[in-house]
PDB file of N, CA and C in Angstrom:
ATOM      1  N   MET A   1      85.011  39.277  33.833  1.00  0.00           N
ATOM      2  CA  MET A   1      84.579  37.893  33.839  1.00  0.00           C
ATOM      3  C   MET A   1      83.643  37.605  35.008  1.00  0.00           C
ATOM      4  N   GLY A   2      83.809  38.348  36.097  1.00  0.00           N
ATOM      5  CA  GLY A   2      82.997  38.099  37.282  1.00  0.00           C
ATOM      6  C   GLY A   2      81.510  38.196  37.017  1.00  0.00           C
ATOM      7  N   TRP A   3      81.131  39.168  36.186  1.00  0.00           N
ATOM      8  CA  TRP A   3      79.704  39.345  35.895  1.00  0.00           C
ATOM      9  C   TRP A   3      79.175  38.233  34.995  1.00  0.00           C
ATOM     10  N   ILE A   4      80.024  37.699  34.137  1.00  0.00           N
ATOM     11  CA  ILE A   4      79.623  36.549  33.319  1.00  0.00           C
ATOM     12  C   ILE A   4      79.404  35.344  34.227  1.00  0.00           C
ATOM     13  N   TYR A   5      80.322  35.132  35.168  1.00  0.00           N
ATOM     14  CA  TYR A   5      80.170  34.020  36.110  1.00  0.00           C
ATOM     15  C   TYR A   5      78.912  34.189  36.967  1.00  0.00           C
ATOM     16  N   LEU A   6      78.653  35.414  37.392  1.00  0.00           N
ATOM     17  CA  LEU A   6      77.451  35.652  38.188  1.00  0.00           C
ATOM     18  C   LEU A   6      76.201  35.380  37.357  1.00  0.00           C
ATOM     19  N   SER A   7      76.223  35.768  36.096  1.00  0.00           N
ATOM     20  CA  SER A   7      75.079  35.495  35.208  1.00  0.00           C
ATOM     21  C   SER A   7      74.851  33.993  35.065  1.00  0.00           C
ATOM     22  N   LEU A   8      75.924  33.232  34.894  1.00  0.00           N
ATOM     23  CA  LEU A   8      75.802  31.776  34.800  1.00  0.00           C
ATOM     24  C   LEU A   8      75.288  31.189  36.108  1.00  0.00           C
ATOM     25  N   CYS A   9      75.745  31.735  37.208  1.00  0.00           N
ATOM     26  CA  CYS A   9      75.268  31.308  38.530  1.00  0.00           C
ATOM     27  C   CYS A   9      73.757  31.498  38.623  1.00  0.00           C
ATOM     28  N   ILE A  10      73.280  32.650  38.213  1.00  0.00           N
ATOM     29  CA  ILE A  10      71.847  32.963  38.271  1.00  0.00           C
ATOM     30  C   ILE A  10      71.060  32.040  37.337  1.00  0.00           C
ATOM     31  N   ILE A  11      71.577  31.812  36.154  1.00  0.00           N
ATOM     32  CA  ILE A  11      70.882  30.945  35.189  1.00  0.00           C
ATOM     33  C   ILE A  11      70.752  29.531  35.747  1.00  0.00           C
ATOM     34  N   PHE A  12      71.850  28.980  36.263  1.00  0.00           N
ATOM     35  CA  PHE A  12      71.790  27.616  36.785  1.00  0.00           C
ATOM     36  C   PHE A  12      70.945  27.522  38.055  1.00  0.00           C
ATOM     37  N   GLU A  13      70.961  28.568  38.874  1.00  0.00           N
ATOM     38  CA  GLU A  13      70.102  28.555  40.055  1.00  0.00           C
ATOM     39  C   GLU A  13      68.628  28.546  39.633  1.00  0.00           C
ATOM     40  N   THR A  14      68.307  29.340  38.622  1.00  0.00           N
ATOM     41  CA  THR A  14      66.933  29.383  38.119  1.00  0.00           C
ATOM     42  C   THR A  14      66.515  28.018  37.578  1.00  0.00           C
ATOM     43  N   ILE A  15      67.376  27.406  36.797  1.00  0.00           N
ATOM     44  CA  ILE A  15      67.088  26.061  36.277  1.00  0.00           C
ATOM     45  C   ILE A  15      66.875  25.088  37.435  1.00  0.00           C
ATOM     46  N   GLY A  16      67.743  25.172  38.435  1.00  0.00           N
ATOM     47  CA  GLY A  16      67.633  24.281  39.587  1.00  0.00           C
ATOM     48  C   GLY A  16      66.330  24.446  40.345  1.00  0.00           C
ATOM     49  N   VAL A  17      65.883  25.678  40.509  1.00  0.00           N
ATOM     50  CA  VAL A  17      64.638  25.918  41.243  1.00  0.00           C
ATOM     51  C   VAL A  17      63.436  25.431  40.449  1.00  0.00           C
ATOM     52  N   VAL A  18      63.438  25.664  39.137  1.00  0.00           N
ATOM     53  CA  VAL A  18      62.334  25.171  38.313  1.00  0.00           C
ATOM     54  C   VAL A  18      62.294  23.645  38.353  1.00  0.00           C
ATOM     55  N   LEU A  19      63.455  23.008  38.232  1.00  0.00           N
ATOM     56  CA  LEU A  19      63.497  21.546  38.308  1.00  0.00           C
ATOM     57  C   LEU A  19      63.068  21.050  39.686  1.00  0.00           C
ATOM     58  N   LEU A  20      63.368  21.828  40.725  1.00  0.00           N
ATOM     59  CA  LEU A  20      62.961  21.449  42.077  1.00  0.00           C
ATOM     60  C   LEU A  20      61.439  21.369  42.181  1.00  0.00           C
ATOM     61  N   LYS A  21      60.762  22.258  41.481  1.00  0.00           N
ATOM     62  CA  LYS A  21      59.296  22.210  41.462  1.00  0.00           C
ATOM     63  C   LYS A  21      58.812  20.898  40.847  1.00  0.00           C
ATOM     64  N   PHE A  22      59.483  20.481  39.764  1.00  0.00           N
ATOM     65  CA  PHE A  22      59.108  19.229  39.104  1.00  0.00           C
ATOM     66  C   PHE A  22      59.576  17.995  39.862  1.00  0.00           C
ATOM     67  N   ALA A  23      60.578  18.157  40.736  1.00  0.00           N
ATOM     68  CA  ALA A  23      61.108  17.020  41.491  1.00  0.00           C
ATOM     69  C   ALA A  23      60.118  16.529  42.545  1.00  0.00           C
ATOM     70  N   ASP A  24      59.156  17.369  42.898  1.00  0.00           N
ATOM     71  CA  ASP A  24      58.077  16.986  43.816  1.00  0.00           C
ATOM     72  C   ASP A  24      58.625  16.371  45.108  1.00  0.00           C
ATOM     73  N   GLY A  25      59.432  17.181  45.801  1.00  0.00           N
ATOM     74  CA  GLY A  25      59.995  16.711  47.073  1.00  0.00           C
ATOM     75  C   GLY A  25      61.023  15.600  46.877  1.00  0.00           C
ATOM     76  N   PHE A  26      61.749  15.661  45.779  1.00  0.00           N
ATOM     77  CA  PHE A  26      62.754  14.658  45.406  1.00  0.00           C
ATOM     78  C   PHE A  26      62.151  13.267  45.250  1.00  0.00           C
ATOM     79  N   THR A  27      60.917  13.191  44.790  1.00  0.00           N
ATOM     80  CA  THR A  27      60.282  11.893  44.543  1.00  0.00           C
ATOM     81  C   THR A  27      60.302  11.514  43.064  1.00  0.00           C
ATOM     82  N   VAL A  28      60.662  12.460  42.183  1.00  0.00           N
ATOM     83  CA  VAL A  28      60.762  12.186  40.752  1.00  0.00           C
ATOM     84  C   VAL A  28      62.254  12.234  40.391  1.00  0.00           C
ATOM     85  N   LEU A  29      62.773  11.140  39.852  1.00  0.00           N
ATOM     86  CA  LEU A  29      64.217  10.950  39.710  1.00  0.00           C
ATOM     87  C   LEU A  29      64.919  12.003  38.860  1.00  0.00           C
ATOM     88  N   TRP A  30      64.549  12.158  37.599  1.00  0.00           N
ATOM     89  CA  TRP A  30      65.321  13.008  36.701  1.00  0.00           C
ATOM     90  C   TRP A  30      65.283  14.495  37.071  1.00  0.00           C
ATOM     91  N   PRO A  31      64.150  15.042  37.422  1.00  0.00           N
ATOM     92  CA  PRO A  31      64.192  16.436  37.891  1.00  0.00           C
ATOM     93  C   PRO A  31      65.013  16.593  39.179  1.00  0.00           C
ATOM     94  N   SER A  32      65.010  15.570  40.029  1.00  0.00           N
ATOM     95  CA  SER A  32      65.801  15.625  41.257  1.00  0.00           C
ATOM     96  C   SER A  32      67.293  15.665  40.934  1.00  0.00           C
ATOM     97  N   ILE A  33      67.721  14.808  40.010  1.00  0.00           N
ATOM     98  CA  ILE A  33      69.128  14.795  39.594  1.00  0.00           C
ATOM     99  C   ILE A  33      69.488  16.129  38.931  1.00  0.00           C
ATOM    100  N   GLY A  34      68.598  16.617  38.050  1.00  0.00           N
ATOM    101  CA  GLY A  34      68.825  17.900  37.394  1.00  0.00           C
ATOM    102  C   GLY A  34      68.936  19.049  38.387  1.00  0.00           C
ATOM    103  N   THR A  35      68.117  19.005  39.429  1.00  0.00           N
ATOM    104  CA  THR A  35      68.165  20.032  40.475  1.00  0.00           C
ATOM    105  C   THR A  35      69.533  20.070  41.138  1.00  0.00           C
ATOM    106  N   ILE A  36      70.029  18.905  41.493  1.00  0.00           N
ATOM    107  CA  ILE A  36      71.333  18.821  42.169  1.00  0.00           C
ATOM    108  C   ILE A  36      72.449  19.302  41.254  1.00  0.00           C
ATOM    109  N   ILE A  37      72.442  18.859  40.006  1.00  0.00           N
ATOM    110  CA  ILE A  37      73.481  19.275  39.066  1.00  0.00           C
ATOM    111  C   ILE A  37      73.425  20.781  38.813  1.00  0.00           C
ATOM    112  N   ALA A  38      72.238  21.315  38.596  1.00  0.00           N
ATOM    113  CA  ALA A  38      72.093  22.754  38.335  1.00  0.00           C
ATOM    114  C   ALA A  38      72.568  23.580  39.531  1.00  0.00           C
ATOM    115  N   HIS A  39      72.235  23.148  40.744  1.00  0.00           N
ATOM    116  CA  HIS A  39      72.675  23.905  41.911  1.00  0.00           C
ATOM    117  C   HIS A  39      74.179  23.783  42.140  1.00  0.00           C
ATOM    118  N   LEU A  40      74.758  22.635  41.848  1.00  0.00           N
ATOM    119  CA  LEU A  40      76.215  22.508  41.946  1.00  0.00           C
ATOM    120  C   LEU A  40      76.906  23.449  40.963  1.00  0.00           C
ATOM    121  N   LEU A  41      76.391  23.518  39.739  1.00  0.00           N
ATOM    122  CA  LEU A  41      76.951  24.452  38.758  1.00  0.00           C
ATOM    123  C   LEU A  41      76.758  25.899  39.201  1.00  0.00           C
ATOM    124  N   SER A  42      75.611  26.184  39.784  1.00  0.00           N
ATOM    125  CA  SER A  42      75.355  27.527  40.294  1.00  0.00           C
ATOM    126  C   SER A  42      76.363  27.899  41.380  1.00  0.00           C
ATOM    127  N   PHE A  43      76.616  26.985  42.310  1.00  0.00           N
ATOM    128  CA  PHE A  43      77.599  27.236  43.374  1.00  0.00           C
ATOM    129  C   PHE A  43      78.999  27.429  42.785  1.00  0.00           C
ATOM    130  N   TYR A  44      79.327  26.622  41.792  1.00  0.00           N
ATOM    131  CA  TYR A  44      80.646  26.730  41.170  1.00  0.00           C
ATOM    132  C   TYR A  44      80.837  28.101  40.529  1.00  0.00           C
ATOM    133  N   PHE A  45      79.878  28.502  39.674  1.00  0.00           N
ATOM    134  CA  PHE A  45      80.014  29.794  39.010  1.00  0.00           C
ATOM    135  C   PHE A  45      79.886  30.953  40.004  1.00  0.00           C
ATOM    136  N   GLY A  46      79.086  30.765  41.038  1.00  0.00           N
ATOM    137  CA  GLY A  46      79.012  31.780  42.085  1.00  0.00           C
ATOM    138  C   GLY A  46      80.343  31.970  42.789  1.00  0.00           C
ATOM    139  N   SER A  47      81.041  30.865  43.037  1.00  0.00           N
ATOM    140  CA  SER A  47      82.353  30.968  43.695  1.00  0.00           C
ATOM    141  C   SER A  47      83.357  31.677  42.803  1.00  0.00           C
ATOM    142  N   LEU A  48      83.260  31.451  41.493  1.00  0.00           N
ATOM    143  CA  LEU A  48      84.157  32.157  40.567  1.00  0.00           C
ATOM    144  C   LEU A  48      83.826  33.648  40.520  1.00  0.00           C
ATOM    145  N   ALA A  49      82.541  33.975  40.565  1.00  0.00           N
ATOM    146  CA  ALA A  49      82.135  35.383  40.542  1.00  0.00           C
ATOM    147  C   ALA A  49      82.663  36.126  41.766  1.00  0.00           C
ATOM    148  N   LEU A  50      82.707  35.436  42.895  1.00  0.00           N
ATOM    149  CA  LEU A  50      83.139  36.085  44.137  1.00  0.00           C
ATOM    150  C   LEU A  50      84.636  36.408  44.158  1.00  0.00           C
ATOM    151  N   ARG A  51      85.369  35.932  43.182  1.00  0.00           N
ATOM    152  CA  ARG A  51      86.783  36.304  43.088  1.00  0.00           C
ATOM    153  C   ARG A  51      86.942  37.795  42.785  1.00  0.00           C
ATOM    154  N   THR A  52      85.986  38.354  42.029  1.00  0.00           N
ATOM    155  CA  THR A  52      86.138  39.749  41.594  1.00  0.00           C
ATOM    156  C   THR A  52      84.983  40.660  42.000  1.00  0.00           C
ATOM    157  N   ILE A  53      83.882  40.083  42.470  1.00  0.00           N
ATOM    158  CA  ILE A  53      82.724  40.901  42.859  1.00  0.00           C
ATOM    159  C   ILE A  53      82.544  40.784  44.366  1.00  0.00           C
ATOM    160  N   ASP A  54      82.311  41.906  45.032  1.00  0.00           N
ATOM    161  CA  ASP A  54      82.054  41.884  46.471  1.00  0.00           C
ATOM    162  C   ASP A  54      80.872  40.973  46.778  1.00  0.00           C
ATOM    163  N   ILE A  55      80.957  40.264  47.884  1.00  0.00           N
ATOM    164  CA  ILE A  55      79.904  39.318  48.237  1.00  0.00           C
ATOM    165  C   ILE A  55      78.558  40.016  48.438  1.00  0.00           C
ATOM    166  N   SER A  56      78.574  41.213  49.006  1.00  0.00           N
ATOM    167  CA  SER A  56      77.311  41.924  49.234  1.00  0.00           C
ATOM    168  C   SER A  56      76.650  42.307  47.916  1.00  0.00           C
ATOM    169  N   ILE A  57      77.440  42.721  46.954  1.00  0.00           N
ATOM    170  CA  ILE A  57      76.906  43.094  45.643  1.00  0.00           C
ATOM    171  C   ILE A  57      76.446  41.845  44.896  1.00  0.00           C
ATOM    172  N   SER A  58      77.267  40.819  44.909  1.00  0.00           N
ATOM    173  CA  SER A  58      76.943  39.575  44.222  1.00  0.00           C
ATOM    174  C   SER A  58      75.648  38.976  44.739  1.00  0.00           C
ATOM    175  N   TYR A  59      75.509  38.928  46.047  1.00  0.00           N
ATOM    176  CA  TYR A  59      74.308  38.332  46.635  1.00  0.00           C
ATOM    177  C   TYR A  59      73.072  39.165  46.333  1.00  0.00           C
ATOM    178  N   ALA A  60      73.201  40.484  46.418  1.00  0.00           N
ATOM    179  CA  ALA A  60      72.059  41.367  46.142  1.00  0.00           C
ATOM    180  C   ALA A  60      71.615  41.247  44.691  1.00  0.00           C
ATOM    181  N   VAL A  61      72.558  41.300  43.765  1.00  0.00           N
ATOM    182  CA  VAL A  61      72.225  41.213  42.345  1.00  0.00           C
ATOM    183  C   VAL A  61      71.649  39.834  42.021  1.00  0.00           C
ATOM    184  N   GLY A  62      72.286  38.786  42.522  1.00  0.00           N
ATOM    185  CA  GLY A  62      71.799  37.433  42.273  1.00  0.00           C
ATOM    186  C   GLY A  62      70.403  37.209  42.826  1.00  0.00           C
ATOM    187  N   SER A  63      70.171  37.692  44.030  1.00  0.00           N
ATOM    188  CA  SER A  63      68.853  37.532  44.642  1.00  0.00           C
ATOM    189  C   SER A  63      67.786  38.300  43.883  1.00  0.00           C
ATOM    190  N   ALA A  64      68.090  39.544  43.528  1.00  0.00           N
ATOM    191  CA  ALA A  64      67.110  40.367  42.812  1.00  0.00           C
ATOM    192  C   ALA A  64      66.789  39.768  41.448  1.00  0.00           C
ATOM    193  N   CYS A  65      67.809  39.356  40.727  1.00  0.00           N
ATOM    194  CA  CYS A  65      67.565  38.748  39.412  1.00  0.00           C
ATOM    195  C   CYS A  65      66.772  37.457  39.567  1.00  0.00           C
ATOM    196  N   GLY A  66      67.133  36.661  40.559  1.00  0.00           N
ATOM    197  CA  GLY A  66      66.407  35.417  40.803  1.00  0.00           C
ATOM    198  C   GLY A  66      64.942  35.658  41.120  1.00  0.00           C
ATOM    199  N   ILE A  67      64.667  36.662  41.926  1.00  0.00           N
ATOM    200  CA  ILE A  67      63.283  36.982  42.277  1.00  0.00           C
ATOM    201  C   ILE A  67      62.490  37.388  41.034  1.00  0.00           C
ATOM    202  N   VAL A  68      63.069  38.250  40.228  1.00  0.00           N
ATOM    203  CA  VAL A  68      62.368  38.708  39.022  1.00  0.00           C
ATOM    204  C   VAL A  68      62.149  37.553  38.051  1.00  0.00           C
ATOM    205  N   ILE A  69      63.187  36.789  37.793  1.00  0.00           N
ATOM    206  CA  ILE A  69      63.075  35.666  36.850  1.00  0.00           C
ATOM    207  C   ILE A  69      62.063  34.642  37.346  1.00  0.00           C
ATOM    208  N   MET A  70      62.144  34.277  38.624  1.00  0.00           N
ATOM    209  CA  MET A  70      61.227  33.268  39.152  1.00  0.00           C
ATOM    210  C   MET A  70      59.792  33.781  39.209  1.00  0.00           C
ATOM    211  N   THR A  71      59.613  35.074  39.451  1.00  0.00           N
ATOM    212  CA  THR A  71      58.268  35.646  39.430  1.00  0.00           C
ATOM    213  C   THR A  71      57.669  35.553  38.029  1.00  0.00           C
ATOM    214  N   LEU A  72      58.469  35.872  37.025  1.00  0.00           N
ATOM    215  CA  LEU A  72      57.987  35.786  35.646  1.00  0.00           C
ATOM    216  C   LEU A  72      57.706  34.343  35.238  1.00  0.00           C
ATOM    217  N   ILE A  73      58.581  33.423  35.598  1.00  0.00           N
ATOM    218  CA  ILE A  73      58.348  32.009  35.298  1.00  0.00           C
ATOM    219  C   ILE A  73      57.106  31.518  36.040  1.00  0.00           C
ATOM    220  N   GLY A  74      56.975  31.911  37.288  1.00  0.00           N
ATOM    221  CA  GLY A  74      55.800  31.513  38.069  1.00  0.00           C
ATOM    222  C   GLY A  74      54.512  32.008  37.448  1.00  0.00           C
ATOM    223  N   TYR A  75      54.538  33.220  36.962  1.00  0.00           N
ATOM    224  CA  TYR A  75      53.328  33.801  36.368  1.00  0.00           C
ATOM    225  C   TYR A  75      53.007  33.170  35.013  1.00  0.00           C
ATOM    226  N   PHE A  76      53.993  33.137  34.112  1.00  0.00           N
ATOM    227  CA  PHE A  76      53.728  32.693  32.746  1.00  0.00           C
ATOM    228  C   PHE A  76      53.659  31.170  32.598  1.00  0.00           C
ATOM    229  N   TYR A  77      54.467  30.444  33.368  1.00  0.00           N
ATOM    230  CA  TYR A  77      54.506  28.994  33.177  1.00  0.00           C
ATOM    231  C   TYR A  77      53.643  28.239  34.188  1.00  0.00           C
ATOM    232  N   PHE A  78      53.710  28.670  35.460  1.00  0.00           N
ATOM    233  CA  PHE A  78      52.973  27.964  36.504  1.00  0.00           C
ATOM    234  C   PHE A  78      51.649  28.648  36.853  1.00  0.00           C
ATOM    235  N   HIS A  79      51.324  29.748  36.176  1.00  0.00           N
ATOM    236  CA  HIS A  79      50.058  30.475  36.344  1.00  0.00           C
ATOM    237  C   HIS A  79      49.820  30.893  37.804  1.00  0.00           C
ATOM    238  N   GLU A  80      50.868  31.408  38.435  1.00  0.00           N
ATOM    239  CA  GLU A  80      50.752  31.901  39.810  1.00  0.00           C
ATOM    240  C   GLU A  80      50.145  33.300  39.810  1.00  0.00           C
ATOM    241  N   ASN A  81      49.628  33.707  40.954  1.00  0.00           N
ATOM    242  CA  ASN A  81      49.014  35.035  41.085  1.00  0.00           C
ATOM    243  C   ASN A  81      50.050  36.135  40.914  1.00  0.00           C
ATOM    244  N   PHE A  82      49.589  37.251  40.359  1.00  0.00           N
ATOM    245  CA  PHE A  82      50.445  38.407  40.143  1.00  0.00           C
ATOM    246  C   PHE A  82      49.625  39.634  40.482  1.00  0.00           C
ATOM    247  N   SER A  83      49.966  40.322  41.552  1.00  0.00           N
ATOM    248  CA  SER A  83      49.179  41.469  41.994  1.00  0.00           C
ATOM    249  C   SER A  83      49.996  42.755  41.884  1.00  0.00           C
ATOM    250  N   ALA A  84      49.302  43.862  42.027  1.00  0.00           N
ATOM    251  CA  ALA A  84      49.976  45.165  41.995  1.00  0.00           C
ATOM    252  C   ALA A  84      50.973  45.282  43.145  1.00  0.00           C
ATOM    253  N   LEU A  85      50.612  44.776  44.314  1.00  0.00           N
ATOM    254  CA  LEU A  85      51.534  44.827  45.451  1.00  0.00           C
ATOM    255  C   LEU A  85      52.789  44.003  45.190  1.00  0.00           C
ATOM    256  N   LYS A  86      52.634  42.864  44.554  1.00  0.00           N
ATOM    257  CA  LYS A  86      53.788  42.033  44.229  1.00  0.00           C
ATOM    258  C   LYS A  86      54.737  42.805  43.313  1.00  0.00           C
ATOM    259  N   ILE A  87      54.180  43.489  42.327  1.00  0.00           N
ATOM    260  CA  ILE A  87      55.001  44.284  41.404  1.00  0.00           C
ATOM    261  C   ILE A  87      55.715  45.402  42.156  1.00  0.00           C
ATOM    262  N   ILE A  88      55.013  46.091  43.030  1.00  0.00           N
ATOM    263  CA  ILE A  88      55.601  47.191  43.800  1.00  0.00           C
ATOM    264  C   ILE A  88      56.767  46.694  44.646  1.00  0.00           C
ATOM    265  N   PHE A  89      56.579  45.592  45.342  1.00  0.00           N
ATOM    266  CA  PHE A  89      57.635  45.090  46.215  1.00  0.00           C
ATOM    267  C   PHE A  89      58.829  44.560  45.420  1.00  0.00           C
ATOM    268  N   ILE A  90      58.580  43.966  44.272  1.00  0.00           N
ATOM    269  CA  ILE A  90      59.686  43.526  43.425  1.00  0.00           C
ATOM    270  C   ILE A  90      60.455  44.735  42.897  1.00  0.00           C
ATOM    271  N   LEU A  91      59.745  45.785  42.529  1.00  0.00           N
ATOM    272  CA  LEU A  91      60.412  47.014  42.090  1.00  0.00           C
ATOM    273  C   LEU A  91      61.265  47.616  43.203  1.00  0.00           C
ATOM    274  N   MET A  92      60.782  47.527  44.434  1.00  0.00           N
ATOM    275  CA  MET A  92      61.562  48.031  45.566  1.00  0.00           C
ATOM    276  C   MET A  92      62.868  47.239  45.716  1.00  0.00           C
ATOM    277  N   ILE A  93      62.792  45.942  45.532  1.00  0.00           N
ATOM    278  CA  ILE A  93      63.998  45.114  45.588  1.00  0.00           C
ATOM    279  C   ILE A  93      64.965  45.513  44.477  1.00  0.00           C
ATOM    280  N   LEU A  94      64.431  45.707  43.282  1.00  0.00           N
ATOM    281  CA  LEU A  94      65.286  46.090  42.156  1.00  0.00           C
ATOM    282  C   LEU A  94      65.930  47.455  42.361  1.00  0.00           C
ATOM    283  N   ILE A  95      65.177  48.398  42.894  1.00  0.00           N
ATOM    284  CA  ILE A  95      65.722  49.735  43.161  1.00  0.00           C
ATOM    285  C   ILE A  95      66.855  49.639  44.175  1.00  0.00           C
ATOM    286  N   GLY A  96      66.669  48.842  45.203  1.00  0.00           N
ATOM    287  CA  GLY A  96      67.727  48.643  46.189  1.00  0.00           C
ATOM    288  C   GLY A  96      68.959  48.002  45.589  1.00  0.00           C
ATOM    289  N   THR A  97      68.755  47.046  44.707  1.00  0.00           N
ATOM    290  CA  THR A  97      69.882  46.373  44.066  1.00  0.00           C
ATOM    291  C   THR A  97      70.654  47.323  43.164  1.00  0.00           C
ATOM    292  N   VAL A  98      69.937  48.099  42.370  1.00  0.00           N
ATOM    293  CA  VAL A  98      70.595  49.080  41.504  1.00  0.00           C
ATOM    294  C   VAL A  98      71.349  50.098  42.367  1.00  0.00           C
ATOM    295  N   GLY A  99      70.743  50.516  43.468  1.00  0.00           N
ATOM    296  CA  GLY A  99      71.402  51.450  44.369  1.00  0.00           C
ATOM    297  C   GLY A  99      72.714  50.892  44.920  1.00  0.00           C
ATOM    298  N   LEU A 100      72.694  49.637  45.326  1.00  0.00           N
ATOM    299  CA  LEU A 100      73.933  49.006  45.807  1.00  0.00           C
ATOM    300  C   LEU A 100      74.990  48.947  44.720  1.00  0.00           C
ATOM    301  N   ARG A 101      74.564  48.630  43.524  1.00  0.00           N
ATOM    302  CA  ARG A 101      75.507  48.546  42.399  1.00  0.00           C
ATOM    303  C   ARG A 101      76.104  49.921  42.107  1.00  0.00           C
ATOM    304  N   LEU A 102      75.277  50.972  42.178  1.00  0.00           N
ATOM    305  CA  LEU A 102      75.774  52.322  41.920  1.00  0.00           C
ATOM    306  C   LEU A 102      76.751  52.782  42.988  1.00  0.00           C
ATOM    307  N   LEU A 103      76.537  52.332  44.229  1.00  0.00           N
ATOM    308  CA  LEU A 103      77.466  52.678  45.304  1.00  0.00           C
ATOM    309  C   LEU A 103      78.853  52.107  45.043  1.00  0.00           C
ATOM    310  N   LYS A 104      78.886  50.938  44.435  1.00  0.00           N
ATOM    311  CA  LYS A 104      80.153  50.257  44.147  1.00  0.00           C
ATOM    312  C   LYS A 104      80.873  50.902  42.974  1.00  0.00           C
ATOM    313  N   ALA A 105      80.119  51.489  42.042  1.00  0.00           N
ATOM    314  CA  ALA A 105      80.711  52.032  40.806  1.00  0.00           C
ATOM    315  C   ALA A 105      81.645  53.180  41.050  1.00  0.00           C
TER     316      ALA A 105
END
C-alpha cells in the first residue's frame, strides 16, 4: 500500500504545482485554493507512505518522479525549453533514484 500512497502523493503534488503556476502568486482565487487542497492531500498521502517506505527512498522516488513529470508538463503544456543537457541531468537523477531503490530491494 505504501507505493500506492506515494503515487497519490506524487500525483497531488504535481497537481498542486501546476495550479500554483496558475495561481499567479496566490492572486487568482480558485487555482490558489486548488493548490492548497492538492498540497494538503499530497502531505496526507505522503505521511501514509512513510509508514512502510523509508524516508530516504520515498523522498528520492517522489522527487525524481516529480522532476520528470513537471519537466514533461513544462515542455508540452507551458512550452518551456528542453535541451540535451536537461535530459542528461534528469537521466542522472533517475539513475540515482533507481540505484537507491535497488539498494533497498
